[in-house]
Structures are given as C-alpha cells and as structure tokens.
Amino acid sequence: MVDFSINSGRCAIGLGSNLGDSIAILAGAIDRLQIHPQIEVTALSSWYQTAPVGPPQPDYLNGCALLETSLAPLELLNTLQAIESEFGRVRQEVWGARTLDLDLLLYEDRIIDLPTLQVPHPRMLERAFVLVPLAEIVPNWIEPRSRESIAVLCNKLECADVRLMRSSKKIGNN
C-alpha cells in the first residue's frame, strides 16, 4: 500500500468502453491505474450496460472508480489520457465510439474551470450512466456545485436504461 498521507487527494473517475473486448479493456485500465506509483484504486463499481450518447454506435459498458492520488488534477488528467491511448483510444468524433474513456469526475471538493479540465465533470449530473455506478461506491459524496449527495442526484434521474452487467472485483471497503 502506498502512503498518500502527504499531498493526497480523493477523486472519482468514470470508465467506459464500447469497442473491442470492453470487459477486458476496462479491467486492464483498472490494472494500469493500480500499478501507477501515485495512484491507489480504493473502490470500484459494478459494470453497467448503457445506450450511447451521440452518433449511432454500440452500447457502452460503464463504471466508476474511487482513487487516492498524489497527482495534481492536471497530472491525473494527463495520466488518464495516456492510459486511454495505451488502449487504442483515438479522438476522431465528439461522443463517438471508443475503446476506452476515462473521465475525471470529482477531485476532493474542488471546482476547477480550465480550458482543458472541468471538475466536477460538466455533464455528470445529467448522466445516469455516471451517477448510478458512482452512487454504488460513494453515495454520500457531496458534489461541490449542487451541494447534494451523489445518491440524491442519482435519484433525480431516470435510471431504468442503466443495466447491471457484471459485478466487479471489489476493492477496498466501499
């Protein structure tokens, strides 16, 4: 276990895949995060099948993970994008199909508005495919803009189209 007692931050990420062997890709991304010396995966949601947002494409598998990291938010974003690239992510079409999508959803209770990074994720409150798995692992986390818990925010959305596909191997106590 890595000691993150100094300069560590708790953050939540969303994971998605709809090209290739999505289960293997998502598991590989979690493995890749776990071997990073400045990241500890402390909780992982189940995987959910969801309809895509955007152009016609296959359904997604989505989930969320809770991380402890000593990386600053922009460093973490760069790390997430590097992992996406390792798994063949090519950015060609907005909201298009992808082998791997890793989104930084929350970083502590910080609000970050930069050209390259917005935290909390700007569309997470309207997306059941984000809030359902996030509520599974951190229902009481207070989203800093709305000041409401993830569970309350999730209950405000229609979630019937977010279908449990596979429980993940559980990590940590969450």
N, C-alpha and C. Protein backbone atom coordinates (compact mmCIF):
# COMPACT_ATOMS: atom_id res chain seq x y z
N MET A 1 0.84 -1.18 0.00
CA MET A 1 0.00 0.00 0.00
C MET A 1 0.89 1.24 0.00
N VAL A 2 0.55 2.19 -0.84
CA VAL A 2 1.32 3.42 -0.96
C VAL A 2 0.87 4.39 0.12
N ASP A 3 1.81 5.13 0.71
CA ASP A 3 1.48 6.14 1.71
C ASP A 3 1.14 7.44 1.02
N PHE A 4 -0.14 7.81 1.08
CA PHE A 4 -0.60 9.05 0.47
C PHE A 4 -0.94 10.08 1.53
N SER A 5 -0.36 9.97 2.72
CA SER A 5 -0.72 10.86 3.81
C SER A 5 -0.34 12.31 3.53
N ILE A 6 0.66 12.54 2.71
CA ILE A 6 1.07 13.90 2.37
C ILE A 6 0.62 14.19 0.95
N ASN A 7 -0.07 15.31 0.78
CA ASN A 7 -0.49 15.77 -0.54
C ASN A 7 -1.30 14.74 -1.32
N SER A 8 -2.19 14.05 -0.66
CA SER A 8 -3.02 13.12 -1.41
C SER A 8 -4.41 13.69 -1.58
N GLY A 9 -5.08 13.20 -2.60
CA GLY A 9 -6.43 13.64 -2.86
C GLY A 9 -7.31 12.46 -3.25
N ARG A 10 -8.55 12.53 -2.82
CA ARG A 10 -9.53 11.51 -3.20
C ARG A 10 -10.24 12.02 -4.44
N CYS A 11 -10.36 11.15 -5.42
CA CYS A 11 -11.06 11.55 -6.63
C CYS A 11 -11.88 10.39 -7.16
N ALA A 12 -12.82 10.72 -8.02
CA ALA A 12 -13.66 9.72 -8.65
C ALA A 12 -13.50 9.85 -10.15
N ILE A 13 -13.41 8.69 -10.81
CA ILE A 13 -13.33 8.69 -12.27
C ILE A 13 -14.45 7.82 -12.83
N GLY A 14 -14.85 8.15 -14.04
CA GLY A 14 -15.78 7.32 -14.79
C GLY A 14 -15.01 6.55 -15.84
N LEU A 15 -15.42 5.31 -16.10
CA LEU A 15 -14.79 4.47 -17.11
C LEU A 15 -15.85 4.00 -18.08
N GLY A 16 -15.52 3.96 -19.36
CA GLY A 16 -16.45 3.45 -20.35
C GLY A 16 -15.71 2.84 -21.53
N SER A 17 -16.40 1.92 -22.20
CA SER A 17 -15.84 1.27 -23.39
C SER A 17 -16.99 0.71 -24.22
N ASN A 18 -16.90 0.87 -25.54
CA ASN A 18 -17.88 0.22 -26.41
C ASN A 18 -17.28 -0.32 -27.71
N LEU A 19 -15.97 -0.43 -27.76
CA LEU A 19 -15.28 -1.05 -28.90
C LEU A 19 -14.32 -2.12 -28.37
N GLY A 20 -14.27 -3.23 -29.05
CA GLY A 20 -13.36 -4.31 -28.63
C GLY A 20 -13.95 -5.10 -27.47
N ASP A 21 -13.09 -5.80 -26.75
CA ASP A 21 -13.49 -6.59 -25.60
C ASP A 21 -13.56 -5.65 -24.40
N SER A 22 -14.72 -5.01 -24.23
CA SER A 22 -14.86 -3.95 -23.24
C SER A 22 -14.53 -4.40 -21.82
N ILE A 23 -14.97 -5.59 -21.43
CA ILE A 23 -14.67 -6.08 -20.07
C ILE A 23 -13.16 -6.18 -19.87
N ALA A 24 -12.46 -6.74 -20.83
CA ALA A 24 -11.00 -6.88 -20.72
C ALA A 24 -10.32 -5.50 -20.73
N ILE A 25 -10.81 -4.60 -21.55
CA ILE A 25 -10.23 -3.26 -21.64
C ILE A 25 -10.42 -2.52 -20.32
N LEU A 26 -11.63 -2.57 -19.76
CA LEU A 26 -11.90 -1.88 -18.50
C LEU A 26 -11.07 -2.49 -17.36
N ALA A 27 -10.99 -3.81 -17.33
CA ALA A 27 -10.16 -4.47 -16.31
C ALA A 27 -8.69 -4.08 -16.48
N GLY A 28 -8.24 -4.01 -17.71
CA GLY A 28 -6.86 -3.61 -17.98
C GLY A 28 -6.58 -2.18 -17.55
N ALA A 29 -7.55 -1.30 -17.76
CA ALA A 29 -7.38 0.10 -17.33
C ALA A 29 -7.28 0.19 -15.81
N ILE A 30 -8.11 -0.59 -15.10
CA ILE A 30 -8.03 -0.61 -13.64
C ILE A 30 -6.67 -1.15 -13.20
N ASP A 31 -6.21 -2.22 -13.83
CA ASP A 31 -4.88 -2.77 -13.52
C ASP A 31 -3.80 -1.72 -13.74
N ARG A 32 -3.91 -1.00 -14.84
CA ARG A 32 -2.91 0.03 -15.18
C ARG A 32 -2.92 1.15 -14.12
N LEU A 33 -4.11 1.54 -13.67
CA LEU A 33 -4.20 2.55 -12.61
C LEU A 33 -3.58 2.03 -11.32
N GLN A 34 -3.81 0.76 -11.00
CA GLN A 34 -3.33 0.19 -9.74
C GLN A 34 -1.80 0.09 -9.68
N ILE A 35 -1.15 -0.03 -10.83
CA ILE A 35 0.31 -0.14 -10.79
C ILE A 35 1.00 1.23 -10.84
N HIS A 36 0.23 2.29 -11.04
CA HIS A 36 0.83 3.63 -11.05
C HIS A 36 1.30 3.96 -9.63
N PRO A 37 2.54 4.43 -9.47
CA PRO A 37 3.08 4.66 -8.13
C PRO A 37 2.39 5.78 -7.35
N GLN A 38 1.63 6.63 -8.01
CA GLN A 38 0.99 7.75 -7.32
C GLN A 38 -0.54 7.62 -7.29
N ILE A 39 -1.05 6.43 -7.59
CA ILE A 39 -2.49 6.21 -7.59
C ILE A 39 -2.79 4.92 -6.84
N GLU A 40 -3.80 4.96 -6.01
CA GLU A 40 -4.33 3.75 -5.38
C GLU A 40 -5.82 3.69 -5.69
N VAL A 41 -6.27 2.60 -6.29
CA VAL A 41 -7.69 2.39 -6.54
C VAL A 41 -8.28 1.84 -5.24
N THR A 42 -9.21 2.59 -4.65
CA THR A 42 -9.76 2.21 -3.35
C THR A 42 -11.16 1.62 -3.43
N ALA A 43 -11.85 1.84 -4.53
CA ALA A 43 -13.19 1.26 -4.71
C ALA A 43 -13.49 1.21 -6.20
N LEU A 44 -14.26 0.20 -6.58
CA LEU A 44 -14.65 0.00 -7.97
C LEU A 44 -16.11 -0.42 -8.01
N SER A 45 -16.88 0.24 -8.86
CA SER A 45 -18.29 -0.11 -9.00
C SER A 45 -18.44 -1.36 -9.86
N SER A 46 -19.65 -1.82 -9.96
CA SER A 46 -20.00 -2.85 -10.94
C SER A 46 -19.96 -2.22 -12.32
N TRP A 47 -20.07 -3.07 -13.35
CA TRP A 47 -20.12 -2.59 -14.74
C TRP A 47 -21.59 -2.57 -15.18
N TYR A 48 -21.95 -1.53 -15.89
CA TYR A 48 -23.32 -1.32 -16.34
C TYR A 48 -23.35 -1.15 -17.85
N GLN A 49 -24.35 -1.72 -18.50
CA GLN A 49 -24.55 -1.53 -19.93
C GLN A 49 -25.49 -0.35 -20.12
N THR A 50 -25.11 0.55 -21.03
CA THR A 50 -25.89 1.76 -21.26
C THR A 50 -25.91 2.10 -22.74
N ALA A 51 -26.98 2.76 -23.15
CA ALA A 51 -27.08 3.24 -24.52
C ALA A 51 -26.10 4.39 -24.72
N PRO A 52 -25.56 4.52 -25.93
CA PRO A 52 -24.60 5.60 -26.18
C PRO A 52 -25.26 6.97 -26.26
N VAL A 53 -24.48 7.99 -25.96
CA VAL A 53 -24.85 9.38 -26.19
C VAL A 53 -24.12 9.78 -27.46
N GLY A 54 -24.81 10.38 -28.42
CA GLY A 54 -24.14 10.82 -29.63
C GLY A 54 -24.55 10.01 -30.84
N PRO A 55 -23.64 9.87 -31.81
CA PRO A 55 -23.95 9.19 -33.06
C PRO A 55 -24.24 7.70 -32.86
N PRO A 56 -24.88 7.04 -33.84
CA PRO A 56 -25.15 5.61 -33.71
C PRO A 56 -23.85 4.83 -33.48
N GLN A 57 -23.90 3.93 -32.48
CA GLN A 57 -22.74 3.13 -32.09
C GLN A 57 -23.20 2.06 -31.12
N PRO A 58 -22.32 1.10 -30.81
CA PRO A 58 -22.70 0.04 -29.87
C PRO A 58 -22.94 0.58 -28.46
N ASP A 59 -23.67 -0.20 -27.66
CA ASP A 59 -23.86 0.14 -26.25
C ASP A 59 -22.51 0.18 -25.53
N TYR A 60 -22.50 0.91 -24.43
CA TYR A 60 -21.30 1.03 -23.60
C TYR A 60 -21.36 0.12 -22.40
N LEU A 61 -20.19 -0.20 -21.88
CA LEU A 61 -20.05 -0.69 -20.51
C LEU A 61 -19.45 0.47 -19.74
N ASN A 62 -20.08 0.82 -18.63
CA ASN A 62 -19.64 1.95 -17.82
C ASN A 62 -19.48 1.53 -16.37
N GLY A 63 -18.62 2.23 -15.68
CA GLY A 63 -18.43 2.04 -14.25
C GLY A 63 -17.69 3.24 -13.69
N CYS A 64 -17.45 3.22 -12.40
CA CYS A 64 -16.71 4.28 -11.73
C CYS A 64 -15.72 3.68 -10.76
N ALA A 65 -14.67 4.43 -10.48
CA ALA A 65 -13.66 4.02 -9.51
C ALA A 65 -13.33 5.20 -8.62
N LEU A 66 -12.99 4.89 -7.40
CA LEU A 66 -12.54 5.86 -6.43
C LEU A 66 -11.03 5.70 -6.31
N LEU A 67 -10.32 6.81 -6.37
CA LEU A 67 -8.86 6.79 -6.31
C LEU A 67 -8.35 7.66 -5.18
N GLU A 68 -7.20 7.30 -4.64
CA GLU A 68 -6.38 8.18 -3.82
C GLU A 68 -5.16 8.46 -4.67
N THR A 69 -4.78 9.73 -4.77
CA THR A 69 -3.65 10.06 -5.62
C THR A 69 -2.86 11.23 -5.06
N SER A 70 -1.58 11.22 -5.35
CA SER A 70 -0.75 12.38 -5.03
C SER A 70 -0.54 13.24 -6.26
N LEU A 71 -1.19 12.88 -7.36
CA LEU A 71 -1.11 13.68 -8.58
C LEU A 71 -2.04 14.88 -8.48
N ALA A 72 -1.59 16.01 -8.97
CA ALA A 72 -2.46 17.17 -9.10
C ALA A 72 -3.50 16.88 -10.18
N PRO A 73 -4.63 17.59 -10.17
CA PRO A 73 -5.69 17.28 -11.14
C PRO A 73 -5.24 17.23 -12.60
N LEU A 74 -4.44 18.19 -13.06
CA LEU A 74 -4.00 18.15 -14.46
C LEU A 74 -3.05 16.99 -14.72
N GLU A 75 -2.22 16.65 -13.75
CA GLU A 75 -1.34 15.49 -13.89
C GLU A 75 -2.17 14.21 -13.98
N LEU A 76 -3.21 14.13 -13.17
CA LEU A 76 -4.09 12.96 -13.21
C LEU A 76 -4.80 12.88 -14.56
N LEU A 77 -5.29 14.00 -15.06
CA LEU A 77 -5.93 14.02 -16.37
C LEU A 77 -4.96 13.51 -17.44
N ASN A 78 -3.73 13.98 -17.42
CA ASN A 78 -2.73 13.52 -18.39
C ASN A 78 -2.48 12.02 -18.27
N THR A 79 -2.46 11.52 -17.05
CA THR A 79 -2.27 10.08 -16.82
C THR A 79 -3.44 9.30 -17.38
N LEU A 80 -4.66 9.76 -17.13
CA LEU A 80 -5.85 9.09 -17.65
C LEU A 80 -5.84 9.07 -19.18
N GLN A 81 -5.48 10.18 -19.79
CA GLN A 81 -5.43 10.23 -21.26
C GLN A 81 -4.33 9.35 -21.82
N ALA A 82 -3.22 9.22 -21.12
CA ALA A 82 -2.15 8.32 -21.57
C ALA A 82 -2.62 6.87 -21.51
N ILE A 83 -3.37 6.51 -20.46
CA ILE A 83 -3.91 5.15 -20.36
C ILE A 83 -4.92 4.91 -21.49
N GLU A 84 -5.77 5.89 -21.77
CA GLU A 84 -6.69 5.75 -22.90
C GLU A 84 -5.93 5.45 -24.19
N SER A 85 -4.86 6.18 -24.42
CA SER A 85 -4.05 5.96 -25.63
C SER A 85 -3.44 4.57 -25.67
N GLU A 86 -2.99 4.08 -24.52
CA GLU A 86 -2.41 2.74 -24.45
C GLU A 86 -3.42 1.68 -24.89
N PHE A 87 -4.70 1.95 -24.66
CA PHE A 87 -5.75 1.01 -25.02
C PHE A 87 -6.40 1.35 -26.36
N GLY A 88 -5.71 2.15 -27.17
CA GLY A 88 -6.16 2.39 -28.53
C GLY A 88 -7.17 3.50 -28.72
N ARG A 89 -7.34 4.37 -27.73
CA ARG A 89 -8.30 5.47 -27.86
C ARG A 89 -7.80 6.44 -28.92
N VAL A 90 -8.67 6.72 -29.88
CA VAL A 90 -8.40 7.72 -30.92
C VAL A 90 -9.52 8.73 -30.86
N ARG A 91 -9.18 10.00 -30.73
CA ARG A 91 -10.19 11.06 -30.64
C ARG A 91 -10.49 11.60 -32.03
N GLN A 92 -11.56 11.05 -32.65
CA GLN A 92 -11.92 11.46 -34.01
C GLN A 92 -13.26 12.17 -34.06
N GLU A 93 -14.20 11.76 -33.22
CA GLU A 93 -15.56 12.26 -33.30
C GLU A 93 -16.06 12.53 -31.89
N VAL A 94 -16.64 13.71 -31.68
CA VAL A 94 -17.20 14.03 -30.39
C VAL A 94 -18.29 13.02 -30.05
N TRP A 95 -18.18 12.44 -28.86
CA TRP A 95 -19.11 11.44 -28.36
C TRP A 95 -19.18 10.20 -29.24
N GLY A 96 -18.12 9.94 -29.99
CA GLY A 96 -18.06 8.76 -30.85
C GLY A 96 -17.66 7.52 -30.07
N ALA A 97 -17.72 6.39 -30.76
CA ALA A 97 -17.33 5.11 -30.16
C ALA A 97 -15.86 5.16 -29.73
N ARG A 98 -15.54 4.38 -28.70
CA ARG A 98 -14.16 4.38 -28.21
C ARG A 98 -13.82 3.10 -27.48
N THR A 99 -12.56 2.74 -27.56
CA THR A 99 -12.10 1.56 -26.82
C THR A 99 -12.11 1.83 -25.33
N LEU A 100 -11.74 3.05 -24.94
CA LEU A 100 -11.66 3.38 -23.52
C LEU A 100 -11.89 4.87 -23.33
N ASP A 101 -12.72 5.18 -22.35
CA ASP A 101 -12.97 6.56 -21.96
C ASP A 101 -12.77 6.65 -20.46
N LEU A 102 -11.87 7.51 -20.03
CA LEU A 102 -11.62 7.73 -18.60
C LEU A 102 -11.87 9.21 -18.31
N ASP A 103 -12.85 9.49 -17.47
CA ASP A 103 -13.21 10.88 -17.15
C ASP A 103 -12.97 11.16 -15.68
N LEU A 104 -12.29 12.27 -15.41
CA LEU A 104 -12.14 12.75 -14.04
C LEU A 104 -13.44 13.43 -13.65
N LEU A 105 -14.16 12.82 -12.72
CA LEU A 105 -15.48 13.32 -12.33
C LEU A 105 -15.41 14.29 -11.17
N LEU A 106 -14.71 13.89 -10.13
CA LEU A 106 -14.60 14.68 -8.90
C LEU A 106 -13.17 14.59 -8.38
N TYR A 107 -12.69 15.68 -7.80
CA TYR A 107 -11.39 15.70 -7.15
C TYR A 107 -11.58 16.46 -5.85
N GLU A 108 -11.61 15.68 -4.74
CA GLU A 108 -11.93 16.25 -3.43
C GLU A 108 -13.23 17.06 -3.57
N ASP A 109 -13.28 18.25 -2.99
CA ASP A 109 -14.46 19.10 -3.15
C ASP A 109 -14.14 20.30 -4.03
N ARG A 110 -13.15 20.11 -4.89
CA ARG A 110 -12.66 21.22 -5.72
C ARG A 110 -13.54 21.48 -6.92
N ILE A 111 -13.59 22.75 -7.29
CA ILE A 111 -14.23 23.19 -8.53
C ILE A 111 -13.11 23.76 -9.39
N ILE A 112 -12.91 23.16 -10.55
CA ILE A 112 -11.82 23.54 -11.45
C ILE A 112 -12.43 23.90 -12.79
N ASP A 113 -12.15 25.09 -13.28
CA ASP A 113 -12.64 25.53 -14.58
C ASP A 113 -11.46 26.02 -15.41
N LEU A 114 -10.87 25.11 -16.16
CA LEU A 114 -9.76 25.41 -17.06
C LEU A 114 -10.16 25.01 -18.47
N PRO A 115 -9.48 25.53 -19.47
CA PRO A 115 -9.82 25.12 -20.85
C PRO A 115 -9.70 23.62 -21.08
N THR A 116 -8.77 22.96 -20.39
CA THR A 116 -8.54 21.53 -20.61
C THR A 116 -9.15 20.63 -19.55
N LEU A 117 -9.67 21.20 -18.48
CA LEU A 117 -10.21 20.38 -17.39
C LEU A 117 -11.30 21.12 -16.64
N GLN A 118 -12.44 20.45 -16.51
CA GLN A 118 -13.53 20.97 -15.69
C GLN A 118 -13.91 19.89 -14.67
N VAL A 119 -13.84 20.26 -13.41
CA VAL A 119 -14.21 19.37 -12.31
C VAL A 119 -15.10 20.18 -11.37
N PRO A 120 -16.23 19.61 -10.98
CA PRO A 120 -16.81 18.35 -11.37
C PRO A 120 -17.04 18.27 -12.88
N HIS A 121 -17.08 17.03 -13.37
CA HIS A 121 -17.32 16.84 -14.80
C HIS A 121 -18.60 17.59 -15.18
N PRO A 122 -18.55 18.41 -16.24
CA PRO A 122 -19.68 19.31 -16.53
C PRO A 122 -21.01 18.64 -16.87
N ARG A 123 -21.01 17.39 -17.30
CA ARG A 123 -22.27 16.75 -17.68
C ARG A 123 -22.65 15.57 -16.78
N MET A 124 -21.90 15.36 -15.72
CA MET A 124 -22.16 14.18 -14.90
C MET A 124 -23.53 14.19 -14.23
N LEU A 125 -24.06 15.36 -13.89
CA LEU A 125 -25.34 15.42 -13.19
C LEU A 125 -26.53 15.06 -14.06
N GLU A 126 -26.33 15.03 -15.36
CA GLU A 126 -27.42 14.66 -16.26
C GLU A 126 -27.26 13.27 -16.84
N ARG A 127 -26.28 12.52 -16.36
CA ARG A 127 -25.98 11.21 -16.94
C ARG A 127 -26.11 10.09 -15.92
N ALA A 128 -27.18 9.32 -16.09
CA ALA A 128 -27.40 8.19 -15.18
C ALA A 128 -26.27 7.18 -15.28
N PHE A 129 -25.66 7.02 -16.47
CA PHE A 129 -24.58 6.05 -16.62
C PHE A 129 -23.34 6.43 -15.82
N VAL A 130 -23.28 7.67 -15.34
CA VAL A 130 -22.22 8.10 -14.43
C VAL A 130 -22.70 7.99 -12.98
N LEU A 131 -23.88 8.53 -12.70
CA LEU A 131 -24.34 8.61 -11.31
C LEU A 131 -24.72 7.27 -10.71
N VAL A 132 -25.24 6.33 -11.49
CA VAL A 132 -25.61 5.03 -10.93
C VAL A 132 -24.37 4.30 -10.39
N PRO A 133 -23.31 4.12 -11.19
CA PRO A 133 -22.14 3.44 -10.61
C PRO A 133 -21.43 4.28 -9.54
N LEU A 134 -21.47 5.60 -9.69
CA LEU A 134 -20.84 6.45 -8.68
C LEU A 134 -21.58 6.34 -7.35
N ALA A 135 -22.91 6.30 -7.40
CA ALA A 135 -23.71 6.16 -6.17
C ALA A 135 -23.48 4.80 -5.51
N GLU A 136 -23.10 3.81 -6.30
CA GLU A 136 -22.81 2.49 -5.74
C GLU A 136 -21.60 2.53 -4.80
N ILE A 137 -20.60 3.36 -5.13
CA ILE A 137 -19.36 3.36 -4.35
C ILE A 137 -19.20 4.56 -3.41
N VAL A 138 -19.83 5.70 -3.74
CA VAL A 138 -19.71 6.89 -2.87
C VAL A 138 -21.04 7.65 -2.81
N PRO A 139 -22.09 7.01 -2.28
CA PRO A 139 -23.41 7.66 -2.28
C PRO A 139 -23.46 8.96 -1.48
N ASN A 140 -22.60 9.10 -0.48
CA ASN A 140 -22.66 10.28 0.39
C ASN A 140 -21.71 11.40 0.00
N TRP A 141 -20.93 11.21 -1.08
CA TRP A 141 -20.02 12.26 -1.52
C TRP A 141 -20.86 13.45 -1.95
N ILE A 142 -20.53 14.63 -1.47
CA ILE A 142 -21.26 15.85 -1.81
C ILE A 142 -20.63 16.47 -3.06
N GLU A 143 -21.44 16.57 -4.11
CA GLU A 143 -21.00 17.20 -5.36
C GLU A 143 -20.89 18.70 -5.06
N PRO A 144 -19.74 19.32 -5.33
CA PRO A 144 -19.50 20.68 -4.83
C PRO A 144 -20.31 21.80 -5.48
N ARG A 145 -20.79 21.64 -6.68
CA ARG A 145 -21.60 22.72 -7.28
C ARG A 145 -23.04 22.70 -6.75
N SER A 146 -23.65 21.54 -6.75
CA SER A 146 -25.05 21.43 -6.32
C SER A 146 -25.18 21.36 -4.80
N ARG A 147 -24.10 20.91 -4.11
CA ARG A 147 -24.08 20.69 -2.66
C ARG A 147 -25.04 19.57 -2.25
N GLU A 148 -25.30 18.64 -3.17
CA GLU A 148 -26.14 17.48 -2.89
C GLU A 148 -25.30 16.22 -3.01
N SER A 149 -25.75 15.18 -2.31
CA SER A 149 -25.02 13.92 -2.35
C SER A 149 -25.22 13.23 -3.71
N ILE A 150 -24.29 12.37 -4.04
CA ILE A 150 -24.39 11.61 -5.29
C ILE A 150 -25.67 10.78 -5.29
N ALA A 151 -26.05 10.19 -4.16
CA ALA A 151 -27.28 9.40 -4.09
C ALA A 151 -28.51 10.25 -4.40
N VAL A 152 -28.58 11.43 -3.84
CA VAL A 152 -29.72 12.32 -4.10
C VAL A 152 -29.75 12.72 -5.58
N LEU A 153 -28.60 13.06 -6.13
CA LEU A 153 -28.53 13.44 -7.54
C LEU A 153 -28.95 12.28 -8.44
N CYS A 154 -28.52 11.08 -8.10
CA CYS A 154 -28.88 9.89 -8.88
C CYS A 154 -30.39 9.67 -8.84
N ASN A 155 -30.99 9.86 -7.68
CA ASN A 155 -32.44 9.65 -7.55
C ASN A 155 -33.26 10.64 -8.36
N LYS A 156 -32.67 11.73 -8.81
CA LYS A 156 -33.37 12.72 -9.62
C LYS A 156 -33.43 12.33 -11.09
N LEU A 157 -32.68 11.30 -11.49
CA LEU A 157 -32.60 10.90 -12.89
C LEU A 157 -33.40 9.63 -13.16
N GLU A 158 -33.81 9.47 -14.41
CA GLU A 158 -34.40 8.21 -14.88
C GLU A 158 -33.24 7.26 -15.12
N CYS A 159 -33.22 6.15 -14.40
CA CYS A 159 -32.07 5.25 -14.44
C CYS A 159 -32.40 3.86 -14.99
N ALA A 160 -33.61 3.68 -15.53
CA ALA A 160 -34.04 2.36 -15.98
C ALA A 160 -33.16 1.80 -17.10
N ASP A 161 -32.54 2.67 -17.89
CA ASP A 161 -31.73 2.22 -19.02
C ASP A 161 -30.29 1.88 -18.63
N VAL A 162 -29.96 2.00 -17.35
CA VAL A 162 -28.63 1.64 -16.86
C VAL A 162 -28.77 0.24 -16.27
N ARG A 163 -28.27 -0.76 -17.02
CA ARG A 163 -28.49 -2.16 -16.67
C ARG A 163 -27.22 -2.79 -16.10
N LEU A 164 -27.34 -3.38 -14.91
CA LEU A 164 -26.21 -4.06 -14.30
C LEU A 164 -25.79 -5.22 -15.19
N MET A 165 -24.52 -5.24 -15.55
CA MET A 165 -23.99 -6.31 -16.40
C MET A 165 -23.12 -7.28 -15.62
N ARG A 166 -22.24 -6.75 -14.81
CA ARG A 166 -21.29 -7.61 -14.11
C ARG A 166 -20.76 -6.89 -12.88
N SER A 167 -20.81 -7.57 -11.76
CA SER A 167 -20.18 -7.02 -10.58
C SER A 167 -18.68 -7.10 -10.77
N SER A 168 -18.00 -6.07 -10.36
CA SER A 168 -16.54 -6.06 -10.49
C SER A 168 -15.94 -6.71 -9.25
N LYS A 169 -14.64 -7.02 -9.36
CA LYS A 169 -13.96 -7.46 -8.15
C LYS A 169 -13.93 -6.27 -7.22
N LYS A 170 -14.34 -6.45 -6.01
CA LYS A 170 -14.42 -5.34 -5.08
C LYS A 170 -13.05 -4.98 -4.56
N ILE A 171 -12.84 -3.68 -4.40
CA ILE A 171 -11.58 -3.14 -3.93
C ILE A 171 -11.88 -2.30 -2.71
N GLY A 172 -11.11 -2.41 -1.69
CA GLY A 172 -11.28 -1.56 -0.51
C GLY A 172 -12.52 -1.90 0.28
N ASN A 173 -12.95 -0.95 1.09
CA ASN A 173 -14.09 -1.16 1.98
C ASN A 173 -15.37 -0.55 1.46
N ASN A 174 -15.35 0.09 0.30
CA ASN A 174 -16.55 0.77 -0.20
C ASN A 174 -17.43 -0.16 -0.98
